Amino acid sequence: MVKKVLFKIIGMHCTSCAMNIDGELEDTEGVIESNTNYARQQTEVKFDSDKVTDDKIVKTVKSLGYSAEPVGK
């Protein structure tokens, strides 16, 4: 099932940070699209929940040196 989840990102310093997050997430199996906004400190991720979980997305962002948490949880 395709889901779209908004995550709050902590630790981005510039637009290059946002591009790094998008690149890494889009390389993650099951992620269809990642749209990170540096100004809002958020990323919206569209993904196949049968292949990847919210927790895996958070761990992927954390592996890059940032923190992430789903908005509204």
N, C-alpha and C. Protein backbone atom coordinates (compact mmCIF):
# COMPACT_ATOMS: atom_id res chain seq x y z
N MET A 1 0.84 -1.18 0.00
CA MET A 1 0.00 0.00 0.00
C MET A 1 0.89 1.25 0.00
N VAL A 2 0.55 2.21 -0.85
CA VAL A 2 1.34 3.44 -0.93
C VAL A 2 0.87 4.41 0.15
N LYS A 3 1.85 4.92 0.91
CA LYS A 3 1.59 5.90 1.97
C LYS A 3 2.38 7.17 1.67
N LYS A 4 1.90 8.28 2.21
CA LYS A 4 2.63 9.54 2.15
C LYS A 4 2.69 10.07 3.58
N VAL A 5 3.91 10.24 4.11
CA VAL A 5 4.10 10.66 5.50
C VAL A 5 5.02 11.87 5.53
N LEU A 6 4.66 12.83 6.37
CA LEU A 6 5.47 14.03 6.58
C LEU A 6 6.33 13.82 7.83
N PHE A 7 7.63 14.05 7.70
CA PHE A 7 8.57 13.90 8.80
C PHE A 7 9.21 15.24 9.12
N LYS A 8 9.35 15.54 10.41
CA LYS A 8 10.11 16.71 10.86
C LYS A 8 11.58 16.30 10.88
N ILE A 9 12.43 17.12 10.30
CA ILE A 9 13.87 16.84 10.24
C ILE A 9 14.59 17.84 11.15
N ILE A 10 15.49 17.34 11.97
CA ILE A 10 16.28 18.18 12.86
C ILE A 10 17.75 18.03 12.50
N GLY A 11 18.42 19.16 12.30
CA GLY A 11 19.86 19.12 12.05
C GLY A 11 20.28 19.53 10.66
N MET A 12 19.35 19.90 9.79
CA MET A 12 19.74 20.37 8.46
C MET A 12 20.31 21.77 8.57
N HIS A 13 21.39 22.03 7.83
CA HIS A 13 22.05 23.33 7.88
C HIS A 13 21.94 24.10 6.57
N CYS A 14 21.58 23.40 5.48
CA CYS A 14 21.53 24.06 4.18
C CYS A 14 20.73 23.21 3.19
N THR A 15 20.57 23.73 1.99
CA THR A 15 19.83 22.99 0.98
C THR A 15 20.57 21.73 0.53
N SER A 16 21.88 21.72 0.66
CA SER A 16 22.63 20.50 0.33
C SER A 16 22.25 19.36 1.27
N CYS A 17 21.98 19.69 2.53
CA CYS A 17 21.52 18.68 3.49
C CYS A 17 20.22 18.06 2.98
N ALA A 18 19.30 18.90 2.53
CA ALA A 18 18.02 18.42 2.01
C ALA A 18 18.22 17.52 0.80
N MET A 19 19.14 17.90 -0.07
CA MET A 19 19.42 17.08 -1.26
C MET A 19 20.02 15.73 -0.87
N ASN A 20 20.89 15.72 0.14
CA ASN A 20 21.48 14.46 0.61
C ASN A 20 20.40 13.53 1.16
N ILE A 21 19.47 14.09 1.93
CA ILE A 21 18.38 13.29 2.49
C ILE A 21 17.53 12.70 1.37
N ASP A 22 17.14 13.54 0.41
CA ASP A 22 16.33 13.06 -0.71
C ASP A 22 17.04 11.94 -1.46
N GLY A 23 18.32 12.14 -1.75
CA GLY A 23 19.07 11.13 -2.49
C GLY A 23 19.12 9.80 -1.77
N GLU A 24 19.42 9.84 -0.48
CA GLU A 24 19.53 8.60 0.30
C GLU A 24 18.18 7.91 0.43
N LEU A 25 17.14 8.69 0.69
CA LEU A 25 15.81 8.07 0.83
C LEU A 25 15.34 7.47 -0.49
N GLU A 26 15.56 8.18 -1.59
CA GLU A 26 15.11 7.67 -2.89
C GLU A 26 15.90 6.44 -3.32
N ASP A 27 17.06 6.21 -2.73
CA ASP A 27 17.83 4.98 -2.98
C ASP A 27 17.37 3.84 -2.09
N THR A 28 16.48 4.10 -1.15
CA THR A 28 15.99 3.08 -0.22
C THR A 28 14.87 2.29 -0.89
N GLU A 29 14.99 0.97 -0.85
CA GLU A 29 13.97 0.12 -1.47
C GLU A 29 12.59 0.41 -0.87
N GLY A 30 11.63 0.63 -1.73
CA GLY A 30 10.27 0.89 -1.30
C GLY A 30 9.89 2.36 -1.30
N VAL A 31 10.90 3.25 -1.28
CA VAL A 31 10.62 4.69 -1.32
C VAL A 31 10.40 5.09 -2.77
N ILE A 32 9.26 5.72 -3.01
CA ILE A 32 8.89 6.16 -4.35
C ILE A 32 9.40 7.57 -4.61
N GLU A 33 9.22 8.44 -3.62
CA GLU A 33 9.60 9.84 -3.78
C GLU A 33 9.86 10.46 -2.42
N SER A 34 10.85 11.35 -2.38
CA SER A 34 11.16 12.11 -1.17
C SER A 34 11.27 13.57 -1.56
N ASN A 35 10.59 14.44 -0.81
CA ASN A 35 10.63 15.86 -1.09
C ASN A 35 10.97 16.59 0.20
N THR A 36 12.24 16.92 0.37
CA THR A 36 12.72 17.57 1.59
C THR A 36 12.77 19.07 1.39
N ASN A 37 12.24 19.81 2.37
CA ASN A 37 12.20 21.26 2.33
C ASN A 37 13.06 21.79 3.48
N TYR A 38 14.20 22.38 3.12
CA TYR A 38 15.11 22.90 4.14
C TYR A 38 14.45 24.01 4.97
N ALA A 39 13.76 24.94 4.33
CA ALA A 39 13.16 26.07 5.03
C ALA A 39 12.14 25.62 6.07
N ARG A 40 11.41 24.58 5.77
CA ARG A 40 10.40 24.07 6.71
C ARG A 40 10.93 22.98 7.63
N GLN A 41 12.15 22.52 7.35
CA GLN A 41 12.76 21.45 8.15
C GLN A 41 11.89 20.20 8.15
N GLN A 42 11.38 19.84 6.96
CA GLN A 42 10.49 18.70 6.82
C GLN A 42 10.81 17.94 5.54
N THR A 43 10.42 16.68 5.54
CA THR A 43 10.45 15.90 4.31
C THR A 43 9.15 15.12 4.20
N GLU A 44 8.62 15.10 3.00
CA GLU A 44 7.43 14.30 2.72
C GLU A 44 7.88 13.11 1.89
N VAL A 45 7.57 11.91 2.39
CA VAL A 45 8.04 10.70 1.75
C VAL A 45 6.84 9.88 1.29
N LYS A 46 6.86 9.52 0.01
CA LYS A 46 5.85 8.63 -0.57
C LYS A 46 6.51 7.27 -0.71
N PHE A 47 5.90 6.24 -0.12
CA PHE A 47 6.55 4.94 -0.11
C PHE A 47 5.56 3.78 -0.08
N ASP A 48 6.05 2.61 -0.43
CA ASP A 48 5.27 1.37 -0.39
C ASP A 48 5.43 0.77 1.00
N SER A 49 4.38 0.82 1.79
CA SER A 49 4.47 0.36 3.18
C SER A 49 4.63 -1.15 3.29
N ASP A 50 4.49 -1.87 2.18
CA ASP A 50 4.77 -3.31 2.19
C ASP A 50 6.27 -3.58 2.09
N LYS A 51 7.04 -2.57 1.67
CA LYS A 51 8.49 -2.75 1.48
C LYS A 51 9.34 -1.96 2.47
N VAL A 52 8.81 -0.87 3.01
CA VAL A 52 9.59 -0.04 3.93
C VAL A 52 8.64 0.56 4.98
N THR A 53 9.17 0.77 6.19
CA THR A 53 8.36 1.29 7.30
C THR A 53 8.79 2.71 7.65
N ASP A 54 7.94 3.38 8.43
CA ASP A 54 8.30 4.71 8.95
C ASP A 54 9.62 4.63 9.72
N ASP A 55 9.78 3.57 10.52
CA ASP A 55 11.00 3.41 11.33
C ASP A 55 12.24 3.30 10.46
N LYS A 56 12.14 2.60 9.34
CA LYS A 56 13.28 2.46 8.43
C LYS A 56 13.64 3.82 7.83
N ILE A 57 12.63 4.62 7.52
CA ILE A 57 12.89 5.96 6.98
C ILE A 57 13.60 6.81 8.03
N VAL A 58 13.13 6.76 9.27
CA VAL A 58 13.77 7.50 10.36
C VAL A 58 15.23 7.05 10.53
N LYS A 59 15.47 5.74 10.50
CA LYS A 59 16.83 5.22 10.65
C LYS A 59 17.73 5.65 9.49
N THR A 60 17.18 5.70 8.29
CA THR A 60 17.96 6.13 7.13
C THR A 60 18.38 7.58 7.28
N VAL A 61 17.46 8.43 7.70
CA VAL A 61 17.79 9.85 7.93
C VAL A 61 18.81 9.97 9.05
N LYS A 62 18.65 9.19 10.11
CA LYS A 62 19.58 9.23 11.24
C LYS A 62 20.99 8.81 10.81
N SER A 63 21.08 7.86 9.88
CA SER A 63 22.40 7.40 9.41
C SER A 63 23.17 8.52 8.71
N LEU A 64 22.46 9.56 8.28
CA LEU A 64 23.10 10.71 7.63
C LEU A 64 23.48 11.80 8.62
N GLY A 65 23.11 11.61 9.90
CA GLY A 65 23.48 12.58 10.93
C GLY A 65 22.37 13.55 11.32
N TYR A 66 21.15 13.27 10.88
CA TYR A 66 20.00 14.11 11.21
C TYR A 66 19.02 13.31 12.05
N SER A 67 18.07 14.00 12.65
CA SER A 67 16.98 13.32 13.36
C SER A 67 15.70 13.51 12.56
N ALA A 68 14.81 12.53 12.66
CA ALA A 68 13.52 12.61 11.97
C ALA A 68 12.45 11.99 12.83
N GLU A 69 11.25 12.55 12.72
CA GLU A 69 10.11 11.96 13.40
C GLU A 69 8.86 12.30 12.61
N PRO A 70 7.94 11.33 12.50
CA PRO A 70 6.70 11.60 11.77
C PRO A 70 5.93 12.74 12.43
N VAL A 71 5.40 13.64 11.62
CA VAL A 71 4.60 14.76 12.14
C VAL A 71 3.24 14.21 12.56
N GLY A 72 2.81 14.61 13.74
CA GLY A 72 1.51 14.19 14.22
C GLY A 72 1.53 12.93 15.06
N LYS A 73 2.72 12.38 15.33
CA LYS A 73 2.81 11.18 16.16
C LYS A 73 3.51 11.49 17.44
